[in-house]
Amino acid sequence: MRKRQPEPERRMKSDETQSPEGEPEPMEAAEPERRMRISAKAVYLCLAGLFIAMVVLVVLNHGDSALKRALEENREFQIKVNGEITDVIELQDLLDLSPQEFKTTLASSSGLPREVTLQGVELRCILERFAPDALDAQSFVFLGLDGYYSPLTRAEVVEEGSIYVCFSIDGEIMKQQSEGGFGPFMMVIRGSRFAQRWCKYVAEVEVR
């Protein structure tokens, strides 16, 4: 007697998956779940990257704040040429450069414009003494302890009697920012009618 051949197993097509009941299930049904897993992983990686960036930013800001406090307390500002600090200028350095006195109008948001007597040294003279090669640069930017910055042109910097780094107002050493003053140093454009370009709390002169 001839034996009955077993029926061949039915193979699932490539576009089918096995359901829990053993019945084939189209892959399209599993596709949304796969996409959700990929999306969740992408969101996780994005959040992790943001967290790392925030940690790095906090560390950098902490170091930057410490530097700014030191510059203010020690009455110093930096000269940075092409991204590198070349000199740290102290108050005594300016006193040794024969500072000048001049009158100008000080305009501020806290009150009416008033005439004041300032004392300071031309930026041109400071660079000639401490960074002579910087006078050939085309870009000069003053940075304040409060984050404010004021760019200058080479023509303004090399012009005699134009750009001053001041440390005294009305015969007194400028008060620091923490004391409600404009110091320890303030950049003044002597020939400018607009004090908006002046830079209080000078922390750095960047030259490029």
N, C-alpha and C. Protein backbone atom coordinates (compact mmCIF):
# COMPACT_ATOMS: atom_id res chain seq x y z
N MET A 1 0.86 -1.18 0.00
CA MET A 1 0.00 0.00 0.00
C MET A 1 0.89 1.22 0.00
N ARG A 2 0.52 2.14 -0.80
CA ARG A 2 1.34 3.35 -0.97
C ARG A 2 1.06 4.32 0.16
N LYS A 3 2.18 4.75 0.80
CA LYS A 3 2.00 5.71 1.91
C LYS A 3 1.69 7.10 1.39
N ARG A 4 0.90 7.76 2.19
CA ARG A 4 0.52 9.14 1.83
C ARG A 4 1.66 10.08 2.16
N GLN A 5 2.07 10.83 1.17
CA GLN A 5 3.16 11.80 1.38
C GLN A 5 2.66 12.99 2.20
N PRO A 6 3.50 13.38 3.20
CA PRO A 6 3.07 14.56 4.00
C PRO A 6 3.04 15.80 3.14
N GLU A 7 2.10 16.66 3.44
CA GLU A 7 2.00 17.91 2.68
C GLU A 7 3.17 18.82 3.01
N PRO A 8 3.77 19.43 2.02
CA PRO A 8 4.91 20.34 2.28
C PRO A 8 4.47 21.54 3.09
N GLU A 9 5.39 21.97 3.96
CA GLU A 9 5.09 23.15 4.77
C GLU A 9 5.00 24.37 3.89
N ARG A 10 4.06 25.19 4.21
CA ARG A 10 3.88 26.42 3.44
C ARG A 10 4.89 27.46 3.92
N ARG A 11 5.69 27.90 2.99
CA ARG A 11 6.68 28.93 3.34
C ARG A 11 6.01 30.30 3.33
N MET A 12 6.49 31.14 4.30
CA MET A 12 5.96 32.50 4.36
C MET A 12 6.66 33.34 3.32
N LYS A 13 5.95 34.18 2.73
CA LYS A 13 6.55 35.12 1.80
C LYS A 13 7.43 36.11 2.54
N SER A 14 8.29 36.73 1.77
CA SER A 14 9.25 37.67 2.38
C SER A 14 8.56 38.86 3.01
N ASP A 15 7.34 39.13 2.61
CA ASP A 15 6.64 40.31 3.15
C ASP A 15 5.67 39.92 4.25
N GLU A 16 5.87 38.70 4.87
CA GLU A 16 5.00 38.26 5.94
C GLU A 16 5.81 37.95 7.19
N THR A 17 5.21 38.15 8.36
CA THR A 17 5.82 37.77 9.64
C THR A 17 4.86 36.86 10.37
N GLN A 18 5.37 36.13 11.38
CA GLN A 18 4.55 35.17 12.13
C GLN A 18 3.81 35.90 13.23
N SER A 19 2.51 35.71 13.29
CA SER A 19 1.72 36.31 14.35
C SER A 19 1.79 35.42 15.57
N PRO A 20 1.40 35.91 16.76
CA PRO A 20 1.42 35.08 17.98
C PRO A 20 0.59 33.82 17.83
N GLU A 21 -0.47 33.80 16.99
CA GLU A 21 -1.32 32.64 16.84
C GLU A 21 -0.76 31.68 15.81
N GLY A 22 0.40 32.02 15.24
CA GLY A 22 1.01 31.14 14.25
C GLY A 22 0.64 31.49 12.83
N GLU A 23 -0.24 32.44 12.61
CA GLU A 23 -0.64 32.82 11.28
C GLU A 23 0.32 33.87 10.75
N PRO A 24 0.61 33.82 9.48
CA PRO A 24 1.50 34.84 8.90
C PRO A 24 0.90 36.22 9.02
N GLU A 25 1.75 37.20 9.20
CA GLU A 25 1.31 38.58 9.42
C GLU A 25 2.11 39.49 8.50
N PRO A 26 1.52 40.30 7.75
CA PRO A 26 2.24 41.18 6.83
C PRO A 26 3.24 42.05 7.59
N MET A 27 4.42 42.31 6.94
CA MET A 27 5.45 43.15 7.57
C MET A 27 4.98 44.58 7.76
N GLU A 28 3.99 44.99 6.92
CA GLU A 28 3.51 46.36 7.06
C GLU A 28 2.94 46.62 8.44
N ALA A 29 2.45 45.57 9.11
CA ALA A 29 1.87 45.77 10.43
C ALA A 29 2.93 46.07 11.47
N ALA A 30 4.16 45.54 11.25
CA ALA A 30 5.24 45.77 12.21
C ALA A 30 6.03 47.04 11.91
N GLU A 31 5.84 47.61 10.70
CA GLU A 31 6.62 48.78 10.29
C GLU A 31 6.42 50.00 11.21
N PRO A 32 5.18 50.35 11.59
CA PRO A 32 5.01 51.51 12.49
C PRO A 32 5.73 51.34 13.82
N GLU A 33 5.73 50.10 14.36
CA GLU A 33 6.42 49.87 15.63
C GLU A 33 7.93 50.07 15.48
N ARG A 34 8.48 49.59 14.34
CA ARG A 34 9.91 49.76 14.09
C ARG A 34 10.27 51.25 13.98
N ARG A 35 9.43 52.00 13.29
CA ARG A 35 9.67 53.42 13.13
C ARG A 35 9.61 54.16 14.47
N MET A 36 8.68 53.73 15.33
CA MET A 36 8.57 54.34 16.65
C MET A 36 9.83 54.11 17.47
N ARG A 37 10.39 52.87 17.37
CA ARG A 37 11.63 52.59 18.11
C ARG A 37 12.77 53.46 17.61
N ILE A 38 12.85 53.64 16.27
CA ILE A 38 13.91 54.48 15.70
C ILE A 38 13.74 55.93 16.14
N SER A 39 12.49 56.42 16.14
CA SER A 39 12.22 57.80 16.55
C SER A 39 12.58 58.02 18.01
N ALA A 40 12.22 57.04 18.86
CA ALA A 40 12.53 57.16 20.29
C ALA A 40 14.03 57.20 20.51
N LYS A 41 14.76 56.38 19.76
CA LYS A 41 16.23 56.37 19.89
C LYS A 41 16.82 57.69 19.44
N ALA A 42 16.28 58.26 18.37
CA ALA A 42 16.78 59.55 17.87
C ALA A 42 16.53 60.65 18.89
N VAL A 43 15.34 60.63 19.50
CA VAL A 43 15.02 61.64 20.53
C VAL A 43 15.96 61.50 21.72
N TYR A 44 16.23 60.27 22.13
CA TYR A 44 17.15 60.03 23.26
C TYR A 44 18.54 60.57 22.95
N LEU A 45 19.05 60.26 21.75
CA LEU A 45 20.39 60.73 21.38
C LEU A 45 20.44 62.25 21.32
N CYS A 46 19.37 62.86 20.84
CA CYS A 46 19.31 64.33 20.76
C CYS A 46 19.34 64.95 22.15
N LEU A 47 18.54 64.39 23.06
CA LEU A 47 18.50 64.91 24.44
C LEU A 47 19.84 64.72 25.13
N ALA A 48 20.47 63.57 24.89
CA ALA A 48 21.79 63.32 25.49
C ALA A 48 22.81 64.32 24.98
N GLY A 49 22.75 64.63 23.68
CA GLY A 49 23.67 65.61 23.11
C GLY A 49 23.45 66.99 23.69
N LEU A 50 22.19 67.38 23.87
CA LEU A 50 21.89 68.68 24.47
C LEU A 50 22.38 68.77 25.90
N PHE A 51 22.23 67.68 26.65
CA PHE A 51 22.69 67.67 28.04
C PHE A 51 24.21 67.85 28.11
N ILE A 52 24.93 67.13 27.24
CA ILE A 52 26.39 67.26 27.23
C ILE A 52 26.80 68.68 26.85
N ALA A 53 26.12 69.26 25.87
CA ALA A 53 26.44 70.63 25.45
C ALA A 53 26.21 71.62 26.58
N MET A 54 25.12 71.42 27.35
CA MET A 54 24.83 72.31 28.47
C MET A 54 25.90 72.21 29.55
N VAL A 55 26.36 70.99 29.81
CA VAL A 55 27.40 70.80 30.82
C VAL A 55 28.68 71.52 30.40
N VAL A 56 29.05 71.35 29.12
CA VAL A 56 30.26 72.01 28.61
C VAL A 56 30.13 73.53 28.71
N LEU A 57 28.94 74.04 28.35
CA LEU A 57 28.71 75.49 28.39
C LEU A 57 28.81 76.03 29.80
N VAL A 58 28.26 75.29 30.77
CA VAL A 58 28.34 75.73 32.17
C VAL A 58 29.79 75.80 32.63
N VAL A 59 30.58 74.78 32.26
CA VAL A 59 31.99 74.76 32.66
C VAL A 59 32.74 75.92 32.05
N LEU A 60 32.50 76.17 30.75
CA LEU A 60 33.20 77.27 30.07
C LEU A 60 32.79 78.62 30.65
N ASN A 61 31.49 78.80 30.93
CA ASN A 61 31.02 80.07 31.49
C ASN A 61 31.59 80.30 32.88
N HIS A 62 31.73 79.23 33.64
CA HIS A 62 32.29 79.36 34.98
C HIS A 62 33.73 79.87 34.90
N GLY A 63 34.50 79.28 33.99
CA GLY A 63 35.88 79.72 33.83
C GLY A 63 35.96 81.14 33.32
N ASP A 64 35.06 81.50 32.37
CA ASP A 64 35.04 82.85 31.82
C ASP A 64 34.67 83.87 32.89
N SER A 65 33.71 83.53 33.75
CA SER A 65 33.30 84.44 34.82
C SER A 65 34.43 84.66 35.81
N ALA A 66 35.16 83.61 36.13
CA ALA A 66 36.29 83.75 37.06
C ALA A 66 37.36 84.67 36.48
N LEU A 67 37.61 84.54 35.18
CA LEU A 67 38.59 85.41 34.52
C LEU A 67 38.13 86.86 34.56
N LYS A 68 36.87 87.09 34.27
CA LYS A 68 36.35 88.46 34.28
C LYS A 68 36.44 89.08 35.66
N ARG A 69 36.13 88.30 36.70
CA ARG A 69 36.24 88.82 38.07
C ARG A 69 37.68 89.20 38.39
N ALA A 70 38.61 88.37 37.96
CA ALA A 70 40.03 88.64 38.22
C ALA A 70 40.47 89.90 37.49
N LEU A 71 40.05 90.07 36.24
CA LEU A 71 40.42 91.27 35.48
C LEU A 71 39.86 92.53 36.14
N GLU A 72 38.63 92.43 36.62
CA GLU A 72 38.02 93.60 37.26
C GLU A 72 38.70 93.92 38.58
N GLU A 73 38.89 92.91 39.41
CA GLU A 73 39.47 93.14 40.73
C GLU A 73 40.92 93.62 40.64
N ASN A 74 41.67 93.10 39.67
CA ASN A 74 43.08 93.49 39.52
C ASN A 74 43.26 94.71 38.64
N ARG A 75 42.17 95.25 38.13
CA ARG A 75 42.22 96.41 37.22
C ARG A 75 43.16 96.12 36.06
N GLU A 76 42.77 95.14 35.26
CA GLU A 76 43.57 94.70 34.12
C GLU A 76 42.66 94.49 32.92
N PHE A 77 43.26 94.55 31.74
CA PHE A 77 42.56 94.09 30.53
C PHE A 77 43.58 93.42 29.62
N GLN A 78 43.08 92.57 28.73
CA GLN A 78 43.95 91.77 27.87
C GLN A 78 44.04 92.37 26.48
N ILE A 79 45.21 92.14 25.86
CA ILE A 79 45.36 92.38 24.43
C ILE A 79 45.48 91.00 23.78
N LYS A 80 44.58 90.73 22.85
CA LYS A 80 44.58 89.44 22.17
C LYS A 80 44.80 89.67 20.68
N VAL A 81 45.84 89.07 20.13
CA VAL A 81 46.18 89.22 18.71
C VAL A 81 45.98 87.89 18.01
N ASN A 82 45.10 87.88 17.01
CA ASN A 82 44.80 86.66 16.25
C ASN A 82 44.44 85.49 17.16
N GLY A 83 43.66 85.77 18.20
CA GLY A 83 43.15 84.73 19.07
C GLY A 83 44.05 84.35 20.24
N GLU A 84 45.25 84.94 20.32
CA GLU A 84 46.17 84.61 21.40
C GLU A 84 46.41 85.84 22.28
N ILE A 85 46.40 85.61 23.59
CA ILE A 85 46.65 86.70 24.53
C ILE A 85 48.15 87.03 24.50
N THR A 86 48.46 88.26 24.14
CA THR A 86 49.86 88.67 24.04
C THR A 86 50.30 89.50 25.24
N ASP A 87 49.37 90.22 25.86
CA ASP A 87 49.71 91.07 27.01
C ASP A 87 48.50 91.25 27.91
N VAL A 88 48.79 91.46 29.19
CA VAL A 88 47.78 91.85 30.16
C VAL A 88 48.19 93.22 30.69
N ILE A 89 47.36 94.22 30.41
CA ILE A 89 47.69 95.61 30.74
C ILE A 89 47.11 95.97 32.10
N GLU A 90 47.96 96.52 32.96
CA GLU A 90 47.55 96.94 34.30
C GLU A 90 47.40 98.46 34.34
N LEU A 91 46.78 98.95 35.39
CA LEU A 91 46.61 100.39 35.57
C LEU A 91 47.95 101.11 35.57
N GLN A 92 48.95 100.52 36.21
CA GLN A 92 50.27 101.15 36.27
C GLN A 92 50.88 101.30 34.87
N ASP A 93 50.58 100.35 33.99
CA ASP A 93 51.08 100.45 32.62
C ASP A 93 50.55 101.70 31.94
N LEU A 94 49.29 102.04 32.18
CA LEU A 94 48.72 103.24 31.58
C LEU A 94 49.30 104.50 32.23
N LEU A 95 49.52 104.46 33.53
CA LEU A 95 50.11 105.62 34.21
C LEU A 95 51.52 105.90 33.70
N ASP A 96 52.21 104.86 33.27
CA ASP A 96 53.58 105.03 32.76
C ASP A 96 53.61 105.58 31.34
N LEU A 97 52.46 105.67 30.69
CA LEU A 97 52.41 106.14 29.30
C LEU A 97 51.92 107.58 29.17
N SER A 98 52.12 108.37 30.21
CA SER A 98 51.77 109.80 30.20
C SER A 98 50.31 110.03 29.78
N PRO A 99 49.36 109.63 30.61
CA PRO A 99 47.94 109.78 30.26
C PRO A 99 47.55 111.25 30.06
N GLN A 100 46.51 111.43 29.28
CA GLN A 100 46.01 112.78 28.96
C GLN A 100 44.65 113.00 29.61
N GLU A 101 44.37 114.26 29.91
CA GLU A 101 43.06 114.65 30.41
C GLU A 101 42.32 115.40 29.30
N PHE A 102 41.03 115.15 29.22
CA PHE A 102 40.22 115.88 28.25
C PHE A 102 38.76 115.88 28.71
N LYS A 103 38.03 116.87 28.22
CA LYS A 103 36.61 116.99 28.57
C LYS A 103 35.76 116.42 27.44
N THR A 104 34.68 115.79 27.81
CA THR A 104 33.76 115.25 26.83
C THR A 104 32.37 115.17 27.46
N THR A 105 31.39 114.90 26.63
CA THR A 105 30.01 114.78 27.12
C THR A 105 29.68 113.31 27.32
N LEU A 106 29.29 112.98 28.52
CA LEU A 106 28.93 111.60 28.86
C LEU A 106 27.41 111.47 28.83
N ALA A 107 26.93 110.64 27.93
CA ALA A 107 25.50 110.38 27.83
C ALA A 107 25.23 108.96 28.27
N SER A 108 24.27 108.79 29.15
CA SER A 108 23.91 107.45 29.62
C SER A 108 22.41 107.32 29.71
N SER A 109 21.94 106.08 29.78
CA SER A 109 20.50 105.83 29.85
C SER A 109 19.92 106.17 31.22
N SER A 110 20.80 106.39 32.20
CA SER A 110 20.33 106.62 33.56
C SER A 110 20.15 108.11 33.89
N GLY A 111 20.52 108.99 32.96
CA GLY A 111 20.39 110.40 33.26
C GLY A 111 20.67 111.28 32.06
N LEU A 112 20.62 112.60 32.25
CA LEU A 112 20.86 113.54 31.17
C LEU A 112 22.35 113.60 30.85
N PRO A 113 22.70 113.97 29.61
CA PRO A 113 24.11 114.12 29.25
C PRO A 113 24.79 115.17 30.13
N ARG A 114 26.03 114.91 30.49
CA ARG A 114 26.77 115.85 31.33
C ARG A 114 28.22 115.88 30.89
N GLU A 115 28.85 117.02 31.11
CA GLU A 115 30.25 117.14 30.75
C GLU A 115 31.12 116.58 31.86
N VAL A 116 32.10 115.78 31.48
CA VAL A 116 32.99 115.15 32.45
C VAL A 116 34.43 115.32 31.98
N THR A 117 35.33 115.18 32.93
CA THR A 117 36.76 115.20 32.61
C THR A 117 37.29 113.78 32.74
N LEU A 118 37.81 113.25 31.64
CA LEU A 118 38.34 111.89 31.62
C LEU A 118 39.86 111.92 31.51
N GLN A 119 40.47 110.86 31.99
CA GLN A 119 41.92 110.70 31.86
C GLN A 119 42.20 109.31 31.34
N GLY A 120 43.05 109.25 30.31
CA GLY A 120 43.35 107.96 29.73
C GLY A 120 44.51 108.03 28.76
N VAL A 121 44.72 106.92 28.07
CA VAL A 121 45.83 106.79 27.12
C VAL A 121 45.26 106.34 25.78
N GLU A 122 45.81 106.89 24.70
CA GLU A 122 45.36 106.49 23.38
C GLU A 122 45.66 105.00 23.15
N LEU A 123 44.72 104.33 22.52
CA LEU A 123 44.93 102.93 22.17
C LEU A 123 46.15 102.80 21.26
N ARG A 124 46.32 103.75 20.38
CA ARG A 124 47.47 103.74 19.47
C ARG A 124 48.78 103.66 20.24
N CYS A 125 48.90 104.43 21.31
CA CYS A 125 50.12 104.45 22.13
C CYS A 125 50.29 103.14 22.90
N ILE A 126 49.17 102.57 23.37
CA ILE A 126 49.23 101.30 24.11
C ILE A 126 49.75 100.20 23.20
N LEU A 127 49.23 100.15 21.97
CA LEU A 127 49.65 99.12 21.04
C LEU A 127 51.10 99.33 20.59
N GLU A 128 51.50 100.58 20.42
CA GLU A 128 52.90 100.86 20.04
C GLU A 128 53.86 100.33 21.09
N ARG A 129 53.48 100.39 22.36
CA ARG A 129 54.35 99.94 23.44
C ARG A 129 54.30 98.42 23.61
N PHE A 130 53.10 97.85 23.58
CA PHE A 130 52.95 96.44 23.97
C PHE A 130 52.70 95.48 22.81
N ALA A 131 52.19 95.97 21.70
CA ALA A 131 51.92 95.08 20.56
C ALA A 131 52.06 95.87 19.26
N PRO A 132 53.28 96.29 18.93
CA PRO A 132 53.48 97.16 17.77
C PRO A 132 53.02 96.55 16.45
N ASP A 133 53.14 95.25 16.29
CA ASP A 133 52.71 94.61 15.04
C ASP A 133 51.19 94.70 14.85
N ALA A 134 50.47 94.87 15.95
CA ALA A 134 49.01 94.90 15.88
C ALA A 134 48.49 96.14 15.15
N LEU A 135 49.30 97.17 15.04
CA LEU A 135 48.86 98.38 14.36
C LEU A 135 48.65 98.17 12.86
N ASP A 136 49.18 97.07 12.33
CA ASP A 136 48.99 96.76 10.92
C ASP A 136 47.70 95.97 10.68
N ALA A 137 47.01 95.62 11.75
CA ALA A 137 45.77 94.84 11.62
C ALA A 137 44.65 95.71 11.06
N GLN A 138 43.58 95.05 10.65
CA GLN A 138 42.43 95.75 10.07
C GLN A 138 41.21 95.75 10.99
N SER A 139 41.22 94.87 11.96
CA SER A 139 40.05 94.73 12.84
C SER A 139 40.45 94.89 14.30
N PHE A 140 39.74 95.76 15.01
CA PHE A 140 39.98 96.01 16.43
C PHE A 140 38.63 95.98 17.14
N VAL A 141 38.51 95.14 18.15
CA VAL A 141 37.24 95.01 18.86
C VAL A 141 37.47 95.11 20.36
N PHE A 142 36.75 96.02 21.02
CA PHE A 142 36.77 96.12 22.48
C PHE A 142 35.65 95.25 23.04
N LEU A 143 35.98 94.46 24.06
CA LEU A 143 35.01 93.60 24.72
C LEU A 143 34.87 94.02 26.18
N GLY A 144 33.63 94.15 26.63
CA GLY A 144 33.37 94.55 28.01
C GLY A 144 33.07 93.37 28.91
N LEU A 145 33.20 93.59 30.20
CA LEU A 145 32.89 92.55 31.18
C LEU A 145 31.42 92.13 31.12
N ASP A 146 30.58 93.02 30.61
CA ASP A 146 29.14 92.72 30.51
C ASP A 146 28.76 92.04 29.21
N GLY A 147 29.77 91.71 28.38
CA GLY A 147 29.49 91.05 27.12
C GLY A 147 29.32 91.99 25.94
N TYR A 148 29.28 93.29 26.20
CA TYR A 148 29.14 94.27 25.12
C TYR A 148 30.44 94.33 24.32
N TYR A 149 30.33 94.55 23.02
CA TYR A 149 31.54 94.70 22.21
C TYR A 149 31.37 95.87 21.24
N SER A 150 32.50 96.50 20.91
CA SER A 150 32.48 97.65 20.02
C SER A 150 33.63 97.53 19.02
N PRO A 151 33.32 97.36 17.74
CA PRO A 151 34.37 97.24 16.72
C PRO A 151 34.88 98.61 16.27
N LEU A 152 36.15 98.65 15.90
CA LEU A 152 36.78 99.87 15.41
C LEU A 152 37.52 99.56 14.11
N THR A 153 37.67 100.59 13.29
CA THR A 153 38.45 100.43 12.06
C THR A 153 39.90 100.81 12.33
N ARG A 154 40.78 100.39 11.45
CA ARG A 154 42.19 100.74 11.58
C ARG A 154 42.37 102.26 11.48
N ALA A 155 41.60 102.90 10.60
CA ALA A 155 41.69 104.35 10.44
C ALA A 155 41.38 105.07 11.76
N GLU A 156 40.40 104.57 12.50
CA GLU A 156 40.05 105.19 13.78
C GLU A 156 41.17 104.99 14.80
N VAL A 157 41.77 103.81 14.80
CA VAL A 157 42.79 103.48 15.80
C VAL A 157 44.07 104.28 15.59
N VAL A 158 44.50 104.41 14.35
CA VAL A 158 45.79 105.08 14.09
C VAL A 158 45.65 106.60 14.06
N GLU A 159 44.43 107.11 14.03
CA GLU A 159 44.24 108.56 14.04
C GLU A 159 44.63 109.14 15.40
N GLU A 160 45.41 110.17 15.38
CA GLU A 160 45.88 110.77 16.64
C GLU A 160 44.72 111.44 17.38
N GLY A 161 44.67 111.20 18.70
CA GLY A 161 43.65 111.81 19.53
C GLY A 161 42.26 111.26 19.33
N SER A 162 42.13 109.99 18.91
CA SER A 162 40.82 109.43 18.58
C SER A 162 40.30 108.44 19.63
N ILE A 163 41.00 107.31 19.80
CA ILE A 163 40.52 106.23 20.66
C ILE A 163 41.32 106.21 21.97
N TYR A 164 40.63 106.30 23.09
CA TYR A 164 41.29 106.32 24.40
C TYR A 164 40.79 105.19 25.28
N VAL A 165 41.71 104.67 26.10
CA VAL A 165 41.34 103.77 27.20
C VAL A 165 41.46 104.58 28.47
N CYS A 166 40.31 104.90 29.06
CA CYS A 166 40.27 105.81 30.21
C CYS A 166 40.14 105.03 31.52
N PHE A 167 40.70 105.62 32.58
CA PHE A 167 40.66 104.98 33.90
C PHE A 167 40.26 105.96 35.00
N SER A 168 40.07 107.22 34.64
CA SER A 168 39.74 108.23 35.65
C SER A 168 38.63 109.13 35.12
N ILE A 169 37.72 109.50 36.01
CA ILE A 169 36.63 110.40 35.64
C ILE A 169 36.48 111.46 36.72
N ASP A 170 36.52 112.72 36.30
CA ASP A 170 36.42 113.86 37.20
C ASP A 170 37.42 113.77 38.35
N GLY A 171 38.64 113.38 38.02
CA GLY A 171 39.73 113.35 39.00
C GLY A 171 39.76 112.15 39.90
N GLU A 172 38.87 111.18 39.71
CA GLU A 172 38.84 109.98 40.56
C GLU A 172 38.97 108.72 39.70
N ILE A 173 39.64 107.72 40.27
CA ILE A 173 39.74 106.44 39.59
C ILE A 173 38.34 105.87 39.38
N MET A 174 38.08 105.38 38.18
CA MET A 174 36.74 104.86 37.86
C MET A 174 36.36 103.71 38.78
N LYS A 175 35.13 103.74 39.21
CA LYS A 175 34.62 102.63 40.00
C LYS A 175 34.37 101.44 39.09
N GLN A 176 34.42 100.27 39.69
CA GLN A 176 34.20 99.04 38.93
C GLN A 176 32.71 98.84 38.67
N GLN A 177 32.41 97.92 37.79
CA GLN A 177 31.02 97.63 37.47
C GLN A 177 30.23 97.23 38.71
N SER A 178 30.84 96.42 39.57
CA SER A 178 30.17 95.96 40.78
C SER A 178 29.89 97.11 41.76
N GLU A 179 30.57 98.24 41.56
CA GLU A 179 30.38 99.40 42.42
C GLU A 179 29.49 100.46 41.77
N GLY A 180 28.95 100.15 40.61
CA GLY A 180 28.08 101.09 39.92
C GLY A 180 28.81 102.06 39.02
N GLY A 181 30.08 101.79 38.73
CA GLY A 181 30.86 102.69 37.89
C GLY A 181 30.97 102.21 36.46
N PHE A 182 31.90 102.84 35.72
CA PHE A 182 32.12 102.49 34.32
C PHE A 182 33.41 101.70 34.12
N GLY A 183 34.16 101.50 35.18
CA GLY A 183 35.50 100.93 35.08
C GLY A 183 35.56 99.43 35.36
N PRO A 184 36.77 98.98 35.53
CA PRO A 184 37.97 99.79 35.79
C PRO A 184 38.52 100.57 34.59
N PHE A 185 38.11 100.17 33.35
CA PHE A 185 38.55 100.92 32.17
C PHE A 185 37.36 101.13 31.25
N MET A 186 37.41 102.25 30.51
CA MET A 186 36.34 102.54 29.55
C MET A 186 36.97 103.05 28.26
N MET A 187 36.55 102.46 27.14
CA MET A 187 37.02 102.92 25.85
C MET A 187 36.15 104.09 25.40
N VAL A 188 36.81 105.17 24.98
CA VAL A 188 36.11 106.38 24.57
C VAL A 188 36.57 106.79 23.18
N ILE A 189 35.62 107.07 22.30
CA ILE A 189 35.93 107.63 20.99
C ILE A 189 35.76 109.13 21.12
N ARG A 190 36.87 109.81 21.21
CA ARG A 190 36.83 111.22 21.59
C ARG A 190 36.07 112.09 20.58
N GLY A 191 36.21 111.82 19.32
CA GLY A 191 35.56 112.67 18.33
C GLY A 191 34.14 112.26 17.99
N SER A 192 33.62 111.22 18.63
CA SER A 192 32.28 110.73 18.31
C SER A 192 31.22 111.45 19.13
N ARG A 193 30.12 111.77 18.46
CA ARG A 193 29.01 112.42 19.16
C ARG A 193 28.10 111.39 19.83
N PHE A 194 28.32 110.13 19.52
CA PHE A 194 27.44 109.09 20.03
C PHE A 194 28.20 108.17 20.98
N ALA A 195 27.83 108.19 22.24
CA ALA A 195 28.51 107.37 23.25
C ALA A 195 28.11 105.90 23.18
N GLN A 196 27.17 105.56 22.30
CA GLN A 196 26.75 104.16 22.19
C GLN A 196 27.90 103.26 21.77
N ARG A 197 28.88 103.81 21.09
CA ARG A 197 30.01 103.00 20.64
C ARG A 197 31.11 102.90 21.69
N TRP A 198 31.00 103.67 22.74
CA TRP A 198 31.97 103.55 23.82
C TRP A 198 31.80 102.18 24.47
N CYS A 199 32.84 101.71 25.11
CA CYS A 199 32.78 100.39 25.75
C CYS A 199 33.17 100.51 27.21
N LYS A 200 32.21 100.30 28.10
CA LYS A 200 32.49 100.32 29.53
C LYS A 200 33.03 98.96 29.98
N TYR A 201 33.64 98.95 31.15
CA TYR A 201 34.12 97.71 31.78
C TYR A 201 35.06 96.92 30.85
N VAL A 202 36.00 97.60 30.20
CA VAL A 202 36.86 96.96 29.21
C VAL A 202 37.57 95.76 29.82
N ALA A 203 37.46 94.60 29.16
CA ALA A 203 38.14 93.39 29.59
C ALA A 203 39.17 92.92 28.58
N GLU A 204 38.96 93.32 27.30
CA GLU A 204 39.82 92.77 26.25
C GLU A 204 39.80 93.66 25.01
N VAL A 205 40.96 93.75 24.38
CA VAL A 205 41.06 94.36 23.05
C VAL A 205 41.51 93.25 22.10
N GLU A 206 40.64 92.88 21.18
CA GLU A 206 40.94 91.81 20.24
C GLU A 206 41.36 92.40 18.91
N VAL A 207 42.51 91.98 18.42
CA VAL A 207 43.09 92.52 17.19
C VAL A 207 43.22 91.39 16.17
N ARG A 208 42.76 91.65 14.95
CA ARG A 208 42.89 90.65 13.88
C ARG A 208 43.27 91.35 12.57
